[in-house]
Amino acid sequence: MHYFLELFVVLVLGSVAMHVSDPGVASSLESLRIDGNLSFHDVSLAARDFGNRYRLLPSAVLHPGSVSDVAATVRHVFRMGSGSKLTVAARGHGHSLQGQAQADGGIVVRMENLRGCETKVHDGEQPYVDASGGALWINVLLECLKHGLAPKSWTDYLHLTIGGTLSNAGISGQAFRHGPQISNVHQLEIVTGKGELLNCSAEENADLFYAALGGLGQFGIITRARIALEPAPKMVKWIRVLYSDFASFTEDQEMLISLKETFDYIEGFVIINRTGLLNNWRSSFNPQNPVQASEFDSDGRILFCLEMTKNFDQDNAEIVNQQVEALLSKLRYIPSTLFQSEVSYLEFLDRVHVSEVKLRSKGLWEVPHPWLNLLIPRTRIRDFAAQVFGKILPDSNNGPILLYPLNKSKWDNRTSAVIPDEEIFYLVAFLSSAPSSSDHDSLDRALKQNDRILDFCKQAGIRMKQYLPYYTMQEEWRAHFGDRWEDFARRKGVYDPLYILAPGQRIFQKAVRSS
């Protein structure tokens, strides 16, 4: 039982009821002079996330009216010293998977409520956008498109906050070319664990800049980011093909990401024992050969989907069509499975939100999501696939399985993000959902499958890294960071010496000195 329930004291601050154990904590929070407000009674939402498996109630939720509110709150907790158990977690759109943005008995900062950081697009030879750490990528995109510009690197789902994805990495099918989102940031504004508000970049406070990028929220709360932009296309040619041979599938992906002139987005999917697969595609795509496509049978098979896009505008549509045909001629996919579509750039980038709306209408969005995201070295991807697909996983009915290559050279090793030590490595993402209505054992089964996959990697000596990592013991985190652990721990000691920030990551435990 967390410490705020050990004693039950009710204090009234204006019209707000607060339940805490220590009157000193209550009065100190009351003394904060902020532009926004601290809420003590409607905190249950801050104990939920997309993973839907952890419920850690905070004692208070900060709705910041300004960046100075965030700094003042963290600085207040820091000044309380090591005798206080209070911690602080920044919450974006609530898409953490295992309570990483929760703070048991602490303070959760609702970053989406952050005011005073309007999105501002700057044109020029090297355009960029300044955006709040609490801004959603979809809203930043909409503002940039007004200027004919867009960020270079994306995640598959855009209803995430800037600060949230930059604290991890931010990857999608453009990352082979532009690197992750953390490789496309010019500057950050950060509130450290001491409550300091600092601007940082490669030239100013560089150690903090690189620490925060991919830093899992351990060194500061990102309140503003300056992000690189490029001219935005109007349209996207969207293509899907199927493979039955894994070696051809991965070799073709690796060939495509090595070309100078190639597709703008490249991702892959693993499809195990799915019925009527191509018929499902017809709602969004047109088959190149409708008769052959209708005769294709996906039942009982392990198939691999290669998904690609090529950006275009009306004035270069014919040239792009020729480029697409030339690229497709190099690939070894099953000819009858070529499907194509043309959509707006915005429609493509925001494609997952369409699925979200459908799932919400069926009550299938706010369910447990026992996701597992792995980065697998290229030299071991075939070993991994041979054991996992069809053996550990009998089907892919619980959610998509992504599998596509990334280039190490596009990642900056000065950031806190950890990746395998090979030039090409693969993201393999098991994006399972476990609705209670379908099977009472579905969550338990998915978690056991995840454990079997991790156990296989360990036994087979596959030197993978978890993306969106989750560990519960520091020795596991040490193994995750490897020879970079000492630098990670050093940075923690410099920027958050009392271990106040992001307790839900379970990397560092705040040590409380007894009085």
Protein backbone atom coordinates (compact mmCIF):
# COMPACT_ATOMS: atom_id res chain seq x y z
CA MET A 1 0.00 0.00 0.00
CA HIS A 2 1.59 3.26 -1.06
CA TYR A 3 2.43 5.81 1.53
CA PHE A 4 -0.40 8.25 0.80
CA LEU A 5 -2.87 5.69 2.11
CA GLU A 6 -0.98 4.87 5.30
CA LEU A 7 -2.77 7.69 7.08
CA PHE A 8 -5.95 9.27 5.76
CA VAL A 9 -6.19 12.99 6.16
CA VAL A 10 -8.68 15.10 4.29
CA LEU A 11 -7.73 18.65 3.48
CA VAL A 12 -9.77 21.10 1.51
CA LEU A 13 -8.02 23.52 -0.83
CA GLY A 14 -10.67 25.93 -2.01
CA SER A 15 -13.28 23.63 -3.51
CA VAL A 16 -10.92 20.69 -4.05
CA ALA A 17 -10.79 17.74 -1.68
CA MET A 18 -7.39 16.09 -1.28
CA HIS A 19 -6.59 12.82 0.48
CA VAL A 20 -2.99 12.56 1.64
CA SER A 21 -1.07 11.15 4.56
CA ASP A 22 1.27 13.99 5.38
CA PRO A 23 -0.17 17.44 6.14
CA GLY A 24 3.26 18.89 5.37
CA VAL A 25 3.08 17.61 1.80
CA ALA A 26 -0.43 18.98 1.42
CA SER A 27 0.44 22.43 2.66
CA SER A 28 3.60 22.58 0.58
CA LEU A 29 1.72 21.73 -2.58
CA GLU A 30 -0.90 24.31 -1.67
CA SER A 31 1.84 26.92 -1.43
CA LEU A 32 2.85 26.48 -5.06
CA ARG A 33 2.05 29.53 -7.17
CA ILE A 34 1.25 28.26 -10.63
CA ASP A 35 -0.64 29.42 -13.72
CA GLY A 36 -2.49 26.14 -14.11
CA ASN A 37 -3.81 23.93 -11.34
CA LEU A 38 -3.08 20.86 -9.26
CA SER A 39 -5.89 18.33 -9.07
CA PHE A 40 -6.21 15.89 -6.19
CA HIS A 41 -9.58 14.26 -6.72
CA ASP A 42 -9.75 13.21 -10.40
CA VAL A 43 -6.47 11.32 -10.58
CA SER A 44 -7.68 7.93 -11.80
CA LEU A 45 -7.10 8.75 -15.48
CA ALA A 46 -3.43 9.33 -14.73
CA ALA A 47 -3.26 5.72 -13.47
CA ARG A 48 -4.28 4.31 -16.87
CA ASP A 49 -2.40 3.84 -20.11
CA PHE A 50 -2.63 2.09 -23.47
CA GLY A 51 -1.13 -1.10 -22.06
CA ASN A 52 -4.12 -1.33 -19.69
CA ARG A 53 -2.30 -3.55 -17.22
CA TYR A 54 -1.02 -1.21 -14.50
CA ARG A 55 -2.95 1.11 -12.17
CA LEU A 56 -0.64 3.27 -10.04
CA LEU A 57 -2.60 6.12 -8.49
CA PRO A 58 -0.77 9.44 -8.08
CA SER A 59 -1.51 11.82 -5.24
CA ALA A 60 -1.91 14.78 -7.59
CA VAL A 61 -2.12 15.71 -11.26
CA LEU A 62 -0.58 18.94 -12.53
CA HIS A 63 -2.42 20.66 -15.37
CA PRO A 64 0.35 23.12 -16.32
CA GLY A 65 -0.67 26.55 -17.51
CA SER A 66 2.92 27.27 -18.51
CA VAL A 67 6.38 25.73 -18.71
CA SER A 68 7.25 27.54 -15.49
CA ASP A 69 4.53 25.47 -13.76
CA VAL A 70 6.40 22.30 -14.66
CA ALA A 71 9.71 23.74 -13.50
CA ALA A 72 8.23 25.09 -10.26
CA THR A 73 6.62 21.73 -9.39
CA VAL A 74 9.75 19.68 -10.02
CA ARG A 75 11.90 22.25 -8.23
CA HIS A 76 9.53 22.10 -5.26
CA VAL A 77 9.84 18.31 -5.02
CA PHE A 78 13.62 18.57 -5.38
CA ARG A 79 13.83 21.09 -2.54
CA MET A 80 11.85 18.73 -0.31
CA GLY A 81 15.00 16.61 -0.43
CA SER A 82 15.60 12.92 0.05
CA GLY A 83 13.22 12.80 3.00
CA SER A 84 10.24 12.98 0.64
CA LYS A 85 8.87 10.05 -1.34
CA LEU A 86 7.30 12.32 -3.96
CA THR A 87 8.19 11.61 -7.57
CA VAL A 88 7.11 13.25 -10.84
CA ALA A 89 6.07 11.65 -14.13
CA ALA A 90 5.26 13.40 -17.40
CA ARG A 91 2.21 11.95 -19.14
CA GLY A 92 1.54 12.61 -22.80
CA HIS A 93 -1.39 10.98 -24.60
CA GLY A 94 -1.27 7.95 -22.30
CA HIS A 95 0.24 5.43 -24.72
CA SER A 96 2.76 3.85 -22.39
CA LEU A 97 2.46 0.09 -22.19
CA GLN A 98 3.49 -0.83 -18.64
CA GLY A 99 2.94 2.15 -16.38
CA GLN A 100 6.04 4.05 -17.53
CA ALA A 101 4.25 7.43 -17.30
CA GLN A 102 2.63 6.72 -13.94
CA ALA A 103 3.81 7.86 -10.50
CA ASP A 104 2.61 5.81 -7.55
CA GLY A 105 1.69 8.37 -4.87
CA GLY A 106 3.55 11.06 -6.79
CA ILE A 107 2.66 13.87 -9.20
CA VAL A 108 1.69 13.27 -12.83
CA VAL A 109 2.13 16.19 -15.25
CA ARG A 110 -0.55 16.27 -17.96
CA MET A 111 1.65 17.50 -20.79
CA GLU A 112 -1.25 17.84 -23.23
CA ASN A 113 -2.55 20.64 -21.01
CA LEU A 114 0.72 22.60 -21.30
CA ARG A 115 0.04 26.15 -22.44
CA GLY A 116 2.34 28.88 -23.69
CA CYS A 117 4.19 26.77 -26.30
CA GLU A 118 2.38 27.36 -29.57
CA THR A 119 3.45 25.45 -32.67
CA LYS A 120 5.48 27.79 -34.90
CA VAL A 121 6.74 26.85 -38.35
CA HIS A 122 9.89 28.54 -39.66
CA ASP A 123 10.44 28.57 -43.44
CA GLY A 124 13.82 28.88 -45.11
CA GLU A 125 16.58 26.75 -46.58
CA GLN A 126 16.55 24.54 -43.48
CA PRO A 127 12.95 24.75 -42.23
CA TYR A 128 11.97 23.65 -38.75
CA VAL A 129 9.05 23.74 -36.35
CA ASP A 130 9.03 24.68 -32.67
CA ALA A 131 6.42 22.64 -30.81
CA SER A 132 5.40 21.93 -27.25
CA GLY A 133 6.50 18.68 -25.69
CA GLY A 134 2.82 18.04 -25.05
CA ALA A 135 1.71 18.66 -28.64
CA LEU A 136 0.40 15.70 -30.64
CA TRP A 137 2.31 14.84 -33.80
CA ILE A 138 -0.93 14.91 -35.80
CA ASN A 139 -1.52 18.54 -34.80
CA VAL A 140 2.07 19.49 -35.56
CA LEU A 141 1.68 17.88 -38.99
CA LEU A 142 -1.53 19.79 -39.70
CA GLU A 143 0.15 23.09 -38.85
CA CYS A 144 3.22 22.28 -40.95
CA LEU A 145 1.12 21.28 -43.95
CA LYS A 146 -0.29 24.82 -44.05
CA HIS A 147 3.23 25.86 -45.04
CA GLY A 148 3.77 22.97 -47.45
CA LEU A 149 6.17 21.32 -45.01
CA ALA A 150 6.28 18.23 -42.78
CA PRO A 151 8.64 16.49 -40.32
CA LYS A 152 10.91 13.92 -41.95
CA SER A 153 10.55 10.93 -39.65
CA TRP A 154 7.40 9.47 -38.16
CA THR A 155 5.78 6.88 -35.97
CA ASP A 156 2.99 4.73 -37.42
CA TYR A 157 0.48 6.36 -35.06
CA LEU A 158 0.39 10.16 -34.91
CA HIS A 159 -1.76 10.73 -31.83
CA LEU A 160 1.29 10.68 -29.58
CA THR A 161 3.08 13.61 -27.97
CA ILE A 162 6.36 15.10 -29.14
CA GLY A 163 7.99 14.59 -25.75
CA GLY A 164 6.76 11.01 -25.52
CA THR A 165 8.24 9.73 -28.77
CA LEU A 166 11.47 11.73 -28.39
CA SER A 167 11.98 10.12 -24.98
CA ASN A 168 12.06 6.73 -26.74
CA ALA A 169 13.18 7.10 -30.38
CA GLY A 170 10.20 7.35 -32.73
CA ILE A 171 10.43 4.92 -35.64
CA SER A 172 8.41 4.01 -38.71
CA GLY A 173 8.98 3.09 -42.33
CA GLN A 174 10.87 6.34 -43.08
CA ALA A 175 13.59 5.65 -40.46
CA PHE A 176 15.82 3.71 -42.87
CA ARG A 177 16.38 6.99 -44.73
CA HIS A 178 16.02 9.76 -42.12
CA GLY A 179 16.77 7.85 -38.95
CA PRO A 180 14.39 7.85 -35.98
CA GLN A 181 12.66 11.01 -34.84
CA ILE A 182 15.45 11.62 -32.29
CA SER A 183 17.87 12.02 -35.22
CA ASN A 184 15.82 14.92 -36.57
CA VAL A 185 15.80 17.31 -33.60
CA HIS A 186 17.76 20.57 -33.54
CA GLN A 187 17.00 21.78 -30.03
CA LEU A 188 15.12 20.91 -26.83
CA GLU A 189 13.82 22.85 -23.86
CA ILE A 190 13.99 20.65 -20.76
CA VAL A 191 13.02 20.80 -17.10
CA THR A 192 15.63 18.76 -15.25
CA GLY A 193 15.10 16.75 -12.08
CA LYS A 194 16.37 19.77 -10.15
CA GLY A 195 13.64 21.98 -11.60
CA GLU A 196 16.06 23.87 -13.87
CA LEU A 197 14.68 25.06 -17.21
CA LEU A 198 17.39 24.69 -19.84
CA ASN A 199 17.70 25.05 -23.59
CA CYS A 200 19.94 22.41 -25.10
CA SER A 201 21.26 21.38 -28.50
CA ALA A 202 24.40 19.91 -30.03
CA GLU A 203 26.09 23.25 -29.26
CA GLU A 204 24.51 24.20 -25.92
CA ASN A 205 24.17 21.84 -22.94
CA ALA A 206 24.97 19.05 -25.38
CA ASP A 207 25.29 16.33 -22.73
CA LEU A 208 21.71 16.92 -21.57
CA PHE A 209 20.48 17.20 -25.17
CA TYR A 210 21.74 13.75 -26.11
CA ALA A 211 20.82 12.28 -22.73
CA ALA A 212 17.18 13.30 -23.08
CA LEU A 213 16.81 11.97 -26.64
CA GLY A 214 15.83 8.35 -26.13
CA GLY A 215 16.40 8.85 -22.41
CA LEU A 216 13.09 7.36 -21.21
CA GLY A 217 12.30 10.56 -19.30
CA GLN A 218 15.13 9.97 -16.83
CA PHE A 219 16.96 13.28 -17.18
CA GLY A 220 14.27 15.85 -17.73
CA ILE A 221 10.80 16.65 -19.00
CA ILE A 222 10.83 17.81 -22.62
CA THR A 223 8.70 20.96 -22.76
CA ARG A 224 9.62 22.13 -26.27
CA ALA A 225 11.37 20.67 -29.31
CA ARG A 226 12.73 22.15 -32.54
CA ILE A 227 12.20 19.57 -35.29
CA ALA A 228 13.63 19.44 -38.81
CA LEU A 229 11.17 19.76 -41.70
CA GLU A 230 11.14 19.01 -45.43
CA PRO A 231 8.80 19.85 -48.31
CA ALA A 232 5.59 17.85 -47.94
CA PRO A 233 4.25 15.90 -50.92
CA LYS A 234 0.58 16.07 -51.82
CA MET A 235 0.01 12.40 -52.62
CA VAL A 236 1.31 8.91 -51.86
CA LYS A 237 1.35 5.81 -54.02
CA TRP A 238 0.72 3.00 -51.50
CA ILE A 239 1.73 -0.56 -52.41
CA ARG A 240 1.44 -3.99 -50.80
CA VAL A 241 2.80 -7.32 -52.00
CA LEU A 242 3.14 -10.77 -50.41
CA TYR A 243 6.01 -13.23 -50.10
CA SER A 244 6.00 -16.86 -49.01
CA ASP A 245 9.79 -17.10 -48.69
CA PHE A 246 11.31 -15.30 -45.72
CA ALA A 247 14.80 -15.05 -47.21
CA SER A 248 13.50 -13.31 -50.35
CA PHE A 249 11.34 -11.04 -48.22
CA THR A 250 14.21 -9.80 -46.04
CA GLU A 251 16.78 -9.67 -48.85
CA ASP A 252 14.43 -7.52 -50.93
CA GLN A 253 13.87 -5.16 -48.00
CA GLU A 254 17.60 -4.84 -47.42
CA MET A 255 18.17 -4.19 -51.11
CA LEU A 256 15.52 -1.46 -51.15
CA ILE A 257 16.89 0.41 -48.13
CA SER A 258 20.40 0.33 -49.65
CA LEU A 259 19.36 2.08 -52.88
CA LYS A 260 19.78 5.82 -53.30
CA GLU A 261 16.60 6.06 -55.38
CA THR A 262 14.03 3.93 -53.60
CA PHE A 263 10.66 4.07 -51.89
CA ASP A 264 9.99 6.74 -49.26
CA TYR A 265 8.53 4.31 -46.73
CA ILE A 266 9.30 0.60 -46.30
CA GLU A 267 7.76 -1.71 -43.71
CA GLY A 268 7.04 -5.42 -43.49
CA PHE A 269 4.45 -7.56 -41.75
CA VAL A 270 4.27 -11.22 -40.78
CA ILE A 271 0.92 -12.90 -41.42
CA ILE A 272 0.31 -16.34 -39.93
CA ASN A 273 -2.72 -18.44 -40.80
CA ARG A 274 -5.07 -15.63 -41.80
CA THR A 275 -8.24 -16.31 -43.76
CA GLY A 276 -9.31 -14.13 -46.71
CA LEU A 277 -6.32 -11.83 -46.46
CA LEU A 278 -6.43 -10.28 -49.94
CA ASN A 279 -10.19 -9.81 -49.80
CA ASN A 280 -9.66 -7.63 -46.74
CA TRP A 281 -7.21 -5.48 -48.70
CA ARG A 282 -9.78 -4.72 -51.40
CA SER A 283 -11.50 -2.14 -49.19
CA SER A 284 -8.44 0.13 -49.48
CA PHE A 285 -6.35 -1.22 -52.37
CA ASN A 286 -6.82 -2.23 -55.99
CA PRO A 287 -5.36 -5.56 -57.16
CA GLN A 288 -3.13 -5.47 -60.22
CA ASN A 289 -4.75 -8.71 -61.40
CA PRO A 290 -8.23 -9.11 -59.83
CA VAL A 291 -8.78 -12.65 -61.13
CA GLN A 292 -5.48 -14.03 -59.83
CA ALA A 293 -5.90 -12.16 -56.56
CA SER A 294 -9.33 -13.70 -56.00
CA GLU A 295 -7.85 -17.17 -56.44
CA PHE A 296 -5.05 -16.62 -53.90
CA ASP A 297 -5.49 -18.66 -50.71
CA SER A 298 -3.81 -17.48 -47.51
CA ASP A 299 -5.32 -20.11 -45.19
CA GLY A 300 -2.83 -22.02 -43.06
CA ARG A 301 0.19 -20.23 -44.49
CA ILE A 302 2.98 -18.07 -43.12
CA LEU A 303 3.18 -15.05 -45.41
CA PHE A 304 5.19 -11.85 -45.39
CA CYS A 305 3.77 -8.54 -46.55
CA LEU A 306 6.01 -5.80 -47.91
CA GLU A 307 4.39 -2.37 -47.68
CA MET A 308 5.91 0.58 -49.54
CA THR A 309 5.03 4.12 -50.54
CA LYS A 310 6.31 6.62 -53.04
CA ASN A 311 5.49 10.29 -52.57
CA PHE A 312 4.39 12.33 -55.56
CA ASP A 313 2.66 15.48 -56.79
CA GLN A 314 0.51 15.81 -59.87
CA ASP A 315 3.34 17.35 -61.92
CA ASN A 316 5.67 14.36 -61.43
CA ALA A 317 3.10 11.54 -61.26
CA GLU A 318 4.19 9.89 -64.51
CA ILE A 319 7.87 9.87 -63.56
CA VAL A 320 7.03 8.39 -60.15
CA ASN A 321 4.93 5.66 -61.78
CA GLN A 322 7.94 4.69 -63.89
CA GLN A 323 10.20 4.68 -60.81
CA VAL A 324 7.73 2.45 -58.95
CA GLU A 325 7.54 -0.01 -61.85
CA ALA A 326 11.34 -0.16 -62.03
CA LEU A 327 11.63 -0.84 -58.30
CA LEU A 328 8.89 -3.47 -58.31
CA SER A 329 10.65 -5.27 -61.17
CA LYS A 330 13.59 -5.92 -58.82
CA LEU A 331 11.42 -7.69 -56.23
CA ARG A 332 10.55 -11.39 -55.89
CA TYR A 333 7.02 -11.17 -54.50
CA ILE A 334 4.10 -13.43 -55.47
CA PRO A 335 2.85 -11.75 -58.70
CA SER A 336 -0.86 -12.20 -57.99
CA THR A 337 -0.59 -10.28 -54.71
CA LEU A 338 0.33 -6.82 -56.01
CA PHE A 339 -2.12 -4.25 -54.63
CA GLN A 340 -1.89 -0.46 -55.05
CA SER A 341 -3.68 2.67 -53.95
CA GLU A 342 -3.25 6.44 -54.16
CA VAL A 343 -4.11 8.57 -51.13
CA SER A 344 -3.20 11.98 -49.77
CA TYR A 345 -0.01 12.31 -47.74
CA LEU A 346 -2.07 13.17 -44.66
CA GLU A 347 -4.38 10.20 -45.14
CA PHE A 348 -1.45 7.82 -45.33
CA LEU A 349 0.40 9.19 -42.31
CA ASP A 350 -2.76 9.16 -40.18
CA ARG A 351 -3.83 5.69 -41.37
CA VAL A 352 -3.73 3.98 -37.97
CA HIS A 353 -6.21 6.47 -36.54
CA VAL A 354 -8.82 5.05 -38.92
CA SER A 355 -8.33 1.65 -37.29
CA GLU A 356 -8.50 3.27 -33.86
CA VAL A 357 -11.93 4.75 -34.60
CA LYS A 358 -13.22 1.35 -35.73
CA LEU A 359 -11.81 -0.45 -32.69
CA ARG A 360 -13.20 2.16 -30.29
CA SER A 361 -16.66 1.74 -31.83
CA LYS A 362 -16.46 -1.98 -31.01
CA GLY A 363 -15.03 -1.49 -27.51
CA LEU A 364 -11.74 -3.07 -28.58
CA TRP A 365 -9.35 -0.13 -28.09
CA GLU A 366 -9.17 0.23 -24.32
CA VAL A 367 -8.11 -3.36 -23.70
CA PRO A 368 -4.80 -4.84 -22.48
CA HIS A 369 -1.99 -4.50 -25.03
CA PRO A 370 0.85 -6.87 -24.10
CA TRP A 371 3.16 -5.56 -26.81
CA LEU A 372 6.72 -6.74 -27.32
CA ASN A 373 9.10 -4.70 -29.51
CA LEU A 374 12.51 -6.13 -30.33
CA LEU A 375 15.49 -4.93 -32.34
CA ILE A 376 17.12 -8.01 -33.88
CA PRO A 377 20.57 -8.04 -35.54
CA ARG A 378 20.44 -8.80 -39.27
CA THR A 379 22.73 -11.82 -38.93
CA ARG A 380 20.24 -13.54 -36.62
CA ILE A 381 16.91 -12.54 -38.15
CA ARG A 382 16.47 -15.85 -40.01
CA ASP A 383 17.22 -17.88 -36.87
CA PHE A 384 14.69 -15.76 -35.01
CA ALA A 385 12.00 -16.14 -37.67
CA ALA A 386 12.45 -19.91 -38.01
CA GLN A 387 11.74 -20.47 -34.32
CA VAL A 388 9.15 -17.79 -33.60
CA PHE A 389 6.83 -17.70 -36.62
CA GLY A 390 4.63 -20.78 -36.70
CA LYS A 391 6.28 -22.47 -33.70
CA ILE A 392 6.03 -20.12 -30.73
CA LEU A 393 3.29 -18.16 -32.52
CA PRO A 394 0.65 -20.39 -34.15
CA ASP A 395 -1.15 -17.42 -35.73
CA SER A 396 -1.17 -13.63 -35.96
CA ASN A 397 -4.81 -13.14 -35.03
CA ASN A 398 -4.10 -11.16 -31.84
CA GLY A 399 -2.63 -8.19 -33.67
CA PRO A 400 -0.12 -7.08 -36.32
CA ILE A 401 3.45 -8.34 -36.37
CA LEU A 402 5.81 -5.78 -37.90
CA LEU A 403 9.21 -6.72 -39.31
CA TYR A 404 11.41 -4.28 -41.23
CA PRO A 405 15.08 -3.23 -41.40
CA LEU A 406 16.77 -0.11 -40.07
CA ASN A 407 20.22 1.40 -40.65
CA LYS A 408 22.48 1.93 -37.63
CA SER A 409 24.29 4.74 -39.47
CA LYS A 410 21.11 6.85 -39.27
CA TRP A 411 21.12 6.71 -35.45
CA ASP A 412 23.26 9.04 -33.34
CA ASN A 413 25.18 7.01 -30.76
CA ARG A 414 25.47 10.06 -28.49
CA THR A 415 21.77 9.73 -27.59
CA SER A 416 20.51 7.41 -24.86
CA ALA A 417 18.77 5.06 -27.33
CA VAL A 418 20.25 1.55 -27.40
CA ILE A 419 20.34 -0.53 -30.60
CA PRO A 420 22.10 -3.73 -31.77
CA ASP A 421 25.73 -3.48 -32.84
CA GLU A 422 25.21 -4.24 -36.55
CA GLU A 423 24.75 -1.83 -39.45
CA ILE A 424 21.40 -3.38 -40.38
CA PHE A 425 18.99 -4.56 -37.71
CA TYR A 426 15.28 -5.33 -37.72
CA LEU A 427 12.39 -4.03 -35.73
CA VAL A 428 10.13 -6.98 -34.88
CA ALA A 429 7.01 -5.71 -33.13
CA PHE A 430 4.35 -8.02 -31.72
CA LEU A 431 1.39 -5.66 -31.35
CA SER A 432 -1.03 -7.94 -29.51
CA SER A 433 -4.32 -7.00 -27.93
CA ALA A 434 -6.14 -9.11 -25.36
CA PRO A 435 -9.82 -8.16 -25.12
CA SER A 436 -11.49 -9.92 -22.20
CA SER A 437 -14.58 -10.69 -24.26
CA SER A 438 -12.68 -12.90 -26.69
CA ASP A 439 -10.92 -15.24 -24.30
CA HIS A 440 -10.34 -14.94 -20.57
CA ASP A 441 -6.89 -16.47 -21.06
CA SER A 442 -5.83 -14.28 -24.00
CA LEU A 443 -3.71 -11.89 -21.92
CA ASP A 444 -1.99 -14.68 -20.04
CA ARG A 445 -1.33 -16.55 -23.28
CA ALA A 446 0.14 -13.44 -24.96
CA LEU A 447 2.42 -12.75 -22.00
CA LYS A 448 3.62 -16.35 -21.98
CA GLN A 449 4.34 -16.15 -25.70
CA ASN A 450 6.36 -12.99 -25.09
CA ASP A 451 8.34 -14.80 -22.39
CA ARG A 452 9.00 -17.73 -24.71
CA ILE A 453 10.28 -15.36 -27.41
CA LEU A 454 12.60 -13.62 -24.93
CA ASP A 455 13.78 -16.97 -23.52
CA PHE A 456 14.57 -18.21 -27.02
CA CYS A 457 16.63 -15.09 -27.77
CA LYS A 458 18.58 -15.61 -24.57
CA GLN A 459 19.18 -19.31 -25.12
CA ALA A 460 20.11 -18.82 -28.78
CA GLY A 461 22.52 -15.99 -27.95
CA ILE A 462 20.65 -13.44 -30.07
CA ARG A 463 21.99 -10.08 -28.93
CA MET A 464 18.71 -8.21 -29.35
CA LYS A 465 17.60 -5.02 -27.67
CA GLN A 466 14.11 -4.18 -26.52
CA TYR A 467 12.50 -1.08 -28.01
CA LEU A 468 10.17 0.61 -25.50
CA PRO A 469 12.07 -1.53 -22.97
CA TYR A 470 10.57 -2.87 -19.77
CA TYR A 471 12.58 -4.38 -16.95
CA THR A 472 11.98 -4.53 -13.21
CA MET A 473 15.52 -4.97 -11.86
CA GLN A 474 18.49 -2.67 -12.28
CA GLU A 475 20.76 -5.55 -13.29
CA GLU A 476 18.47 -6.12 -16.27
CA TRP A 477 18.74 -2.44 -17.17
CA ARG A 478 22.53 -2.71 -16.86
CA ALA A 479 22.48 -5.58 -19.35
CA HIS A 480 20.18 -3.61 -21.66
CA PHE A 481 22.52 -0.60 -21.78
CA GLY A 482 25.70 -2.70 -21.73
CA ASP A 483 28.87 -0.62 -21.82
CA ARG A 484 26.72 2.54 -21.98
CA TRP A 485 25.23 1.97 -18.52
CA GLU A 486 27.93 3.91 -16.66
CA ASP A 487 27.32 7.00 -18.79
CA PHE A 488 23.55 6.63 -18.41
CA ALA A 489 23.89 6.41 -14.61
CA ARG A 490 26.33 9.34 -14.57
CA ARG A 491 23.84 11.50 -16.46
CA LYS A 492 21.11 10.51 -14.02
CA GLY A 493 23.28 11.65 -11.13
CA VAL A 494 23.90 15.01 -12.82
CA TYR A 495 20.39 15.89 -14.01
CA ASP A 496 18.12 14.04 -11.57
CA PRO A 497 20.26 13.24 -8.52
CA LEU A 498 17.29 12.48 -6.23
CA TYR A 499 15.70 10.10 -8.77
CA ILE A 500 12.51 12.15 -8.93
CA LEU A 501 11.62 11.77 -12.61
CA ALA A 502 9.86 8.95 -14.49
CA PRO A 503 9.67 6.40 -11.65
CA GLY A 504 7.40 4.20 -13.76
CA GLN A 505 10.35 3.17 -15.92
CA ARG A 506 11.64 1.26 -12.86
CA ILE A 507 15.28 2.03 -13.67
CA PHE A 508 16.20 3.98 -10.54
CA GLN A 509 14.46 3.78 -7.18
CA LYS A 510 14.18 6.96 -5.17
CA ALA A 511 16.00 6.40 -1.90
CA VAL A 512 14.14 8.04 0.99
CA ARG A 513 16.18 9.08 4.00
CA SER A 514 14.34 8.43 7.25
CA SER A 515 14.14 11.40 9.57
